[in-house]
Amino acid sequence: MSQPHWRKSSHSGGDEGNCVEIADLSDQIAIRDSKNFAAGHLTLTRQHFTSLLAQLASQP
C-alpha cells in the first residue's frame, strides 16, 4: 500500500501548523492533527466524512 497524500485546506493560514490534514484512502477519508503525526489518524467512510463537514458547516 502506498503512503497517503496528506493535504490541508487552502484556507489554512500561516506556518503555525494549527490545522487538520486529510488524505483520500479510496473508500475512506483519513484525518490527522498537523502538529502531532505520531497521534495517528481518524478514518471515516466518505458518507460519515460528508456528514461531519455538514455538521461543522452548520455551527455558528
PDB file of N, CA and C in Angstrom:
ATOM      1  N   MET A   1       0.839  -1.184   0.000  1.00  0.00           N
ATOM      2  CA  MET A   1       0.000   0.000   0.000  1.00  0.00           C
ATOM      3  C   MET A   1       0.883   1.245   0.000  1.00  0.00           C
ATOM      4  N   SER A   2       0.575   2.188  -0.852  1.00  0.00           N
ATOM      5  CA  SER A   2       1.367   3.413  -0.924  1.00  0.00           C
ATOM      6  C   SER A   2       1.005   4.344   0.234  1.00  0.00           C
ATOM      7  N   GLN A   3       1.906   5.264   0.513  1.00  0.00           N
ATOM      8  CA  GLN A   3       1.685   6.236   1.581  1.00  0.00           C
ATOM      9  C   GLN A   3       0.578   7.205   1.170  1.00  0.00           C
ATOM     10  N   PRO A   4      -0.290   7.574   2.102  1.00  0.00           N
ATOM     11  CA  PRO A   4      -1.347   8.534   1.766  1.00  0.00           C
ATOM     12  C   PRO A   4      -0.766   9.914   1.472  1.00  0.00           C
ATOM     13  N   HIS A   5      -1.434  10.639   0.604  1.00  0.00           N
ATOM     14  CA  HIS A   5      -1.051  12.019   0.286  1.00  0.00           C
ATOM     15  C   HIS A   5      -1.875  12.933   1.197  1.00  0.00           C
ATOM     16  N   TRP A   6      -1.238  13.486   2.213  1.00  0.00           N
ATOM     17  CA  TRP A   6      -1.909  14.349   3.177  1.00  0.00           C
ATOM     18  C   TRP A   6      -1.959  15.767   2.646  1.00  0.00           C
ATOM     19  N   ARG A   7      -3.072  16.457   2.881  1.00  0.00           N
ATOM     20  CA  ARG A   7      -3.194  17.855   2.458  1.00  0.00           C
ATOM     21  C   ARG A   7      -4.045  18.615   3.465  1.00  0.00           C
ATOM     22  N   LYS A   8      -3.851  19.937   3.475  1.00  0.00           N
ATOM     23  CA  LYS A   8      -4.670  20.781   4.339  1.00  0.00           C
ATOM     24  C   LYS A   8      -5.336  21.849   3.495  1.00  0.00           C
ATOM     25  N   SER A   9      -6.325  22.475   4.052  1.00  0.00           N
ATOM     26  CA  SER A   9      -7.122  23.458   3.337  1.00  0.00           C
ATOM     27  C   SER A   9      -6.281  24.636   2.866  1.00  0.00           C
ATOM     28  N   SER A  10      -6.656  25.180   1.733  1.00  0.00           N
ATOM     29  CA  SER A  10      -6.005  26.400   1.250  1.00  0.00           C
ATOM     30  C   SER A  10      -6.376  27.587   2.140  1.00  0.00           C
ATOM     31  N   HIS A  11      -7.409  27.435   2.962  1.00  0.00           N
ATOM     32  CA  HIS A  11      -7.817  28.482   3.905  1.00  0.00           C
ATOM     33  C   HIS A  11      -6.983  28.451   5.177  1.00  0.00           C
ATOM     34  N   SER A  12      -6.132  27.471   5.298  1.00  0.00           N
ATOM     35  CA  SER A  12      -5.273  27.335   6.470  1.00  0.00           C
ATOM     36  C   SER A  12      -4.103  28.295   6.315  1.00  0.00           C
ATOM     37  N   GLY A  13      -4.053  29.311   7.154  1.00  0.00           N
ATOM     38  CA  GLY A  13      -3.024  30.332   7.010  1.00  0.00           C
ATOM     39  C   GLY A  13      -1.853  30.145   7.943  1.00  0.00           C
ATOM     40  N   GLY A  14      -0.751  30.744   7.595  1.00  0.00           N
ATOM     41  CA  GLY A  14       0.428  30.750   8.451  1.00  0.00           C
ATOM     42  C   GLY A  14       1.162  29.424   8.476  1.00  0.00           C
ATOM     43  N   ASP A  15       2.282  29.445   9.180  1.00  0.00           N
ATOM     44  CA  ASP A  15       3.114  28.247   9.300  1.00  0.00           C
ATOM     45  C   ASP A  15       3.067  27.666  10.707  1.00  0.00           C
ATOM     46  N   GLU A  16       2.050  28.044  11.477  1.00  0.00           N
ATOM     47  CA  GLU A  16       1.966  27.586  12.855  1.00  0.00           C
ATOM     48  C   GLU A  16       1.579  26.116  12.963  1.00  0.00           C
ATOM     49  N   GLY A  17       0.954  25.572  11.943  1.00  0.00           N
ATOM     50  CA  GLY A  17       0.597  24.165  11.962  1.00  0.00           C
ATOM     51  C   GLY A  17      -0.657  23.844  12.750  1.00  0.00           C
ATOM     52  N   ASN A  18      -1.476  24.839  13.053  1.00  0.00           N
ATOM     53  CA  ASN A  18      -2.714  24.602  13.795  1.00  0.00           C
ATOM     54  C   ASN A  18      -3.816  24.169  12.836  1.00  0.00           C
ATOM     55  N   CYS A  19      -3.653  23.009  12.259  1.00  0.00           N
ATOM     56  CA  CYS A  19      -4.568  22.560  11.221  1.00  0.00           C
ATOM     57  C   CYS A  19      -4.839  21.072  11.360  1.00  0.00           C
ATOM     58  N   VAL A  20      -5.847  20.651  10.646  1.00  0.00           N
ATOM     59  CA  VAL A  20      -6.029  19.224  10.433  1.00  0.00           C
ATOM     60  C   VAL A  20      -5.714  18.967   8.970  1.00  0.00           C
ATOM     61  N   GLU A  21      -5.272  17.784   8.687  1.00  0.00           N
ATOM     62  CA  GLU A  21      -4.973  17.376   7.321  1.00  0.00           C
ATOM     63  C   GLU A  21      -5.855  16.188   6.981  1.00  0.00           C
ATOM     64  N   ILE A  22      -6.163  16.038   5.704  1.00  0.00           N
ATOM     65  CA  ILE A  22      -6.940  14.892   5.261  1.00  0.00           C
ATOM     66  C   ILE A  22      -6.184  14.149   4.170  1.00  0.00           C
ATOM     67  N   ALA A  23      -6.512  12.883   4.033  1.00  0.00           N
ATOM     68  CA  ALA A  23      -5.949  12.054   2.969  1.00  0.00           C
ATOM     69  C   ALA A  23      -7.066  11.189   2.406  1.00  0.00           C
ATOM     70  N   ASP A  24      -7.108  11.076   1.095  1.00  0.00           N
ATOM     71  CA  ASP A  24      -8.080  10.231   0.411  1.00  0.00           C
ATOM     72  C   ASP A  24      -7.523   8.816   0.358  1.00  0.00           C
ATOM     73  N   LEU A  25      -8.215   7.890   1.007  1.00  0.00           N
ATOM     74  CA  LEU A  25      -7.779   6.493   1.043  1.00  0.00           C
ATOM     75  C   LEU A  25      -8.698   5.627   0.184  1.00  0.00           C
ATOM     76  N   SER A  26      -9.110   6.129  -0.947  1.00  0.00           N
ATOM     77  CA  SER A  26     -10.029   5.473  -1.881  1.00  0.00           C
ATOM     78  C   SER A  26     -11.442   5.403  -1.332  1.00  0.00           C
ATOM     79  N   ASP A  27     -11.732   4.441  -0.459  1.00  0.00           N
ATOM     80  CA  ASP A  27     -13.098   4.305   0.053  1.00  0.00           C
ATOM     81  C   ASP A  27     -13.292   4.968   1.412  1.00  0.00           C
ATOM     82  N   GLN A  28     -12.251   5.585   1.952  1.00  0.00           N
ATOM     83  CA  GLN A  28     -12.325   6.263   3.243  1.00  0.00           C
ATOM     84  C   GLN A  28     -11.522   7.559   3.199  1.00  0.00           C
ATOM     85  N   ILE A  29     -11.788   8.407   4.196  1.00  0.00           N
ATOM     86  CA  ILE A  29     -11.042   9.652   4.360  1.00  0.00           C
ATOM     87  C   ILE A  29     -10.344   9.598   5.717  1.00  0.00           C
ATOM     88  N   ALA A  30      -9.062   9.904   5.739  1.00  0.00           N
ATOM     89  CA  ALA A  30      -8.297   9.939   6.985  1.00  0.00           C
ATOM     90  C   ALA A  30      -8.101  11.394   7.397  1.00  0.00           C
ATOM     91  N   ILE A  31      -8.147  11.637   8.707  1.00  0.00           N
ATOM     92  CA  ILE A  31      -7.990  12.978   9.268  1.00  0.00           C
ATOM     93  C   ILE A  31      -6.935  12.903  10.367  1.00  0.00           C
ATOM     94  N   ARG A  32      -5.998  13.862  10.377  1.00  0.00           N
ATOM     95  CA  ARG A  32      -4.984  13.879  11.432  1.00  0.00           C
ATOM     96  C   ARG A  32      -4.662  15.308  11.837  1.00  0.00           C
ATOM     97  N   ASP A  33      -4.051  15.445  12.987  1.00  0.00           N
ATOM     98  CA  ASP A  33      -3.582  16.720  13.520  1.00  0.00           C
ATOM     99  C   ASP A  33      -2.254  17.050  12.847  1.00  0.00           C
ATOM    100  N   SER A  34      -2.161  18.214  12.243  1.00  0.00           N
ATOM    101  CA  SER A  34      -0.937  18.574  11.518  1.00  0.00           C
ATOM    102  C   SER A  34       0.257  18.809  12.445  1.00  0.00           C
ATOM    103  N   LYS A  35       0.012  18.981  13.739  1.00  0.00           N
ATOM    104  CA  LYS A  35       1.111  19.205  14.682  1.00  0.00           C
ATOM    105  C   LYS A  35       1.543  17.936  15.404  1.00  0.00           C
ATOM    106  N   ASN A  36       0.769  16.860  15.277  1.00  0.00           N
ATOM    107  CA  ASN A  36       1.079  15.657  16.039  1.00  0.00           C
ATOM    108  C   ASN A  36       0.822  14.404  15.203  1.00  0.00           C
ATOM    109  N   PHE A  37       1.677  14.164  14.229  1.00  0.00           N
ATOM    110  CA  PHE A  37       1.522  12.995  13.356  1.00  0.00           C
ATOM    111  C   PHE A  37       1.557  11.690  14.140  1.00  0.00           C
ATOM    112  N   ALA A  38       2.348  11.658  15.207  1.00  0.00           N
ATOM    113  CA  ALA A  38       2.517  10.428  15.984  1.00  0.00           C
ATOM    114  C   ALA A  38       1.228   9.985  16.673  1.00  0.00           C
ATOM    115  N   ALA A  39       0.264  10.883  16.803  1.00  0.00           N
ATOM    116  CA  ALA A  39      -1.003  10.540  17.458  1.00  0.00           C
ATOM    117  C   ALA A  39      -1.878   9.647  16.582  1.00  0.00           C
ATOM    118  N   GLY A  40      -1.482   9.470  15.342  1.00  0.00           N
ATOM    119  CA  GLY A  40      -2.278   8.640  14.442  1.00  0.00           C
ATOM    120  C   GLY A  40      -3.325   9.458  13.710  1.00  0.00           C
ATOM    121  N   HIS A  41      -4.320   8.771  13.178  1.00  0.00           N
ATOM    122  CA  HIS A  41      -5.352   9.465  12.423  1.00  0.00           C
ATOM    123  C   HIS A  41      -6.706   8.797  12.634  1.00  0.00           C
ATOM    124  N   LEU A  42      -7.733   9.547  12.338  1.00  0.00           N
ATOM    125  CA  LEU A  42      -9.111   9.093  12.395  1.00  0.00           C
ATOM    126  C   LEU A  42      -9.519   8.738  10.975  1.00  0.00           C
ATOM    127  N   THR A  43     -10.161   7.607  10.792  1.00  0.00           N
ATOM    128  CA  THR A  43     -10.597   7.195   9.463  1.00  0.00           C
ATOM    129  C   THR A  43     -12.117   7.126   9.431  1.00  0.00           C
ATOM    130  N   LEU A  44     -12.706   7.800   8.446  1.00  0.00           N
ATOM    131  CA  LEU A  44     -14.155   7.827   8.285  1.00  0.00           C
ATOM    132  C   LEU A  44     -14.535   7.351   6.890  1.00  0.00           C
ATOM    133  N   THR A  45     -15.722   6.758   6.780  1.00  0.00           N
ATOM    134  CA  THR A  45     -16.245   6.463   5.447  1.00  0.00           C
ATOM    135  C   THR A  45     -16.529   7.795   4.766  1.00  0.00           C
ATOM    136  N   ARG A  46     -16.650   7.786   3.474  1.00  0.00           N
ATOM    137  CA  ARG A  46     -16.962   9.023   2.752  1.00  0.00           C
ATOM    138  C   ARG A  46     -18.294   9.609   3.226  1.00  0.00           C
ATOM    139  N   GLN A  47     -19.272   8.753   3.475  1.00  0.00           N
ATOM    140  CA  GLN A  47     -20.581   9.210   3.939  1.00  0.00           C
ATOM    141  C   GLN A  47     -20.466   9.899   5.301  1.00  0.00           C
ATOM    142  N   HIS A  48     -19.725   9.305   6.216  1.00  0.00           N
ATOM    143  CA  HIS A  48     -19.566   9.918   7.535  1.00  0.00           C
ATOM    144  C   HIS A  48     -18.736  11.200   7.469  1.00  0.00           C
ATOM    145  N   PHE A  49     -17.744  11.247   6.592  1.00  0.00           N
ATOM    146  CA  PHE A  49     -16.945  12.458   6.428  1.00  0.00           C
ATOM    147  C   PHE A  49     -17.822  13.593   5.904  1.00  0.00           C
ATOM    148  N   THR A  50     -18.678  13.290   4.930  1.00  0.00           N
ATOM    149  CA  THR A  50     -19.596  14.293   4.386  1.00  0.00           C
ATOM    150  C   THR A  50     -20.543  14.795   5.468  1.00  0.00           C
ATOM    151  N   SER A  51     -21.038  13.883   6.297  1.00  0.00           N
ATOM    152  CA  SER A  51     -21.917  14.270   7.409  1.00  0.00           C
ATOM    153  C   SER A  51     -21.181  15.155   8.411  1.00  0.00           C
ATOM    154  N   LEU A  52     -19.933  14.817   8.709  1.00  0.00           N
ATOM    155  CA  LEU A  52     -19.126  15.628   9.621  1.00  0.00           C
ATOM    156  C   LEU A  52     -18.965  17.045   9.078  1.00  0.00           C
ATOM    157  N   LEU A  53     -18.640  17.175   7.808  1.00  0.00           N
ATOM    158  CA  LEU A  53     -18.476  18.505   7.212  1.00  0.00           C
ATOM    159  C   LEU A  53     -19.771  19.303   7.264  1.00  0.00           C
ATOM    160  N   ALA A  54     -20.899  18.643   7.005  1.00  0.00           N
ATOM    161  CA  ALA A  54     -22.196  19.322   7.059  1.00  0.00           C
ATOM    162  C   ALA A  54     -22.489  19.816   8.473  1.00  0.00           C
ATOM    163  N   GLN A  55     -22.192  18.993   9.470  1.00  0.00           N
ATOM    164  CA  GLN A  55     -22.408  19.396  10.862  1.00  0.00           C
ATOM    165  C   GLN A  55     -21.505  20.570  11.243  1.00  0.00           C
ATOM    166  N   LEU A  56     -20.257  20.518  10.837  1.00  0.00           N
ATOM    167  CA  LEU A  56     -19.331  21.610  11.148  1.00  0.00           C
ATOM    168  C   LEU A  56     -19.751  22.902  10.461  1.00  0.00           C
ATOM    169  N   ALA A  57     -20.218  22.805   9.231  1.00  0.00           N
ATOM    170  CA  ALA A  57     -20.639  23.991   8.486  1.00  0.00           C
ATOM    171  C   ALA A  57     -21.889  24.627   9.090  1.00  0.00           C
ATOM    172  N   SER A  58     -22.696  23.848   9.775  1.00  0.00           N
ATOM    173  CA  SER A  58     -23.935  24.376  10.351  1.00  0.00           C
ATOM    174  C   SER A  58     -23.722  25.034  11.713  1.00  0.00           C
ATOM    175  N   GLN A  59     -22.519  24.916  12.268  1.00  0.00           N
ATOM    176  CA  GLN A  59     -22.225  25.504  13.578  1.00  0.00           C
ATOM    177  C   GLN A  59     -21.967  27.002  13.434  1.00  0.00           C
ATOM    178  N   PRO A  60     -22.445  27.787  14.426  1.00  0.00           N
ATOM    179  CA  PRO A  60     -22.217  29.250  14.353  1.00  0.00           C
ATOM    180  C   PRO A  60     -20.758  29.620  14.528  1.00  0.00           C
TER     181      PRO A  60
END
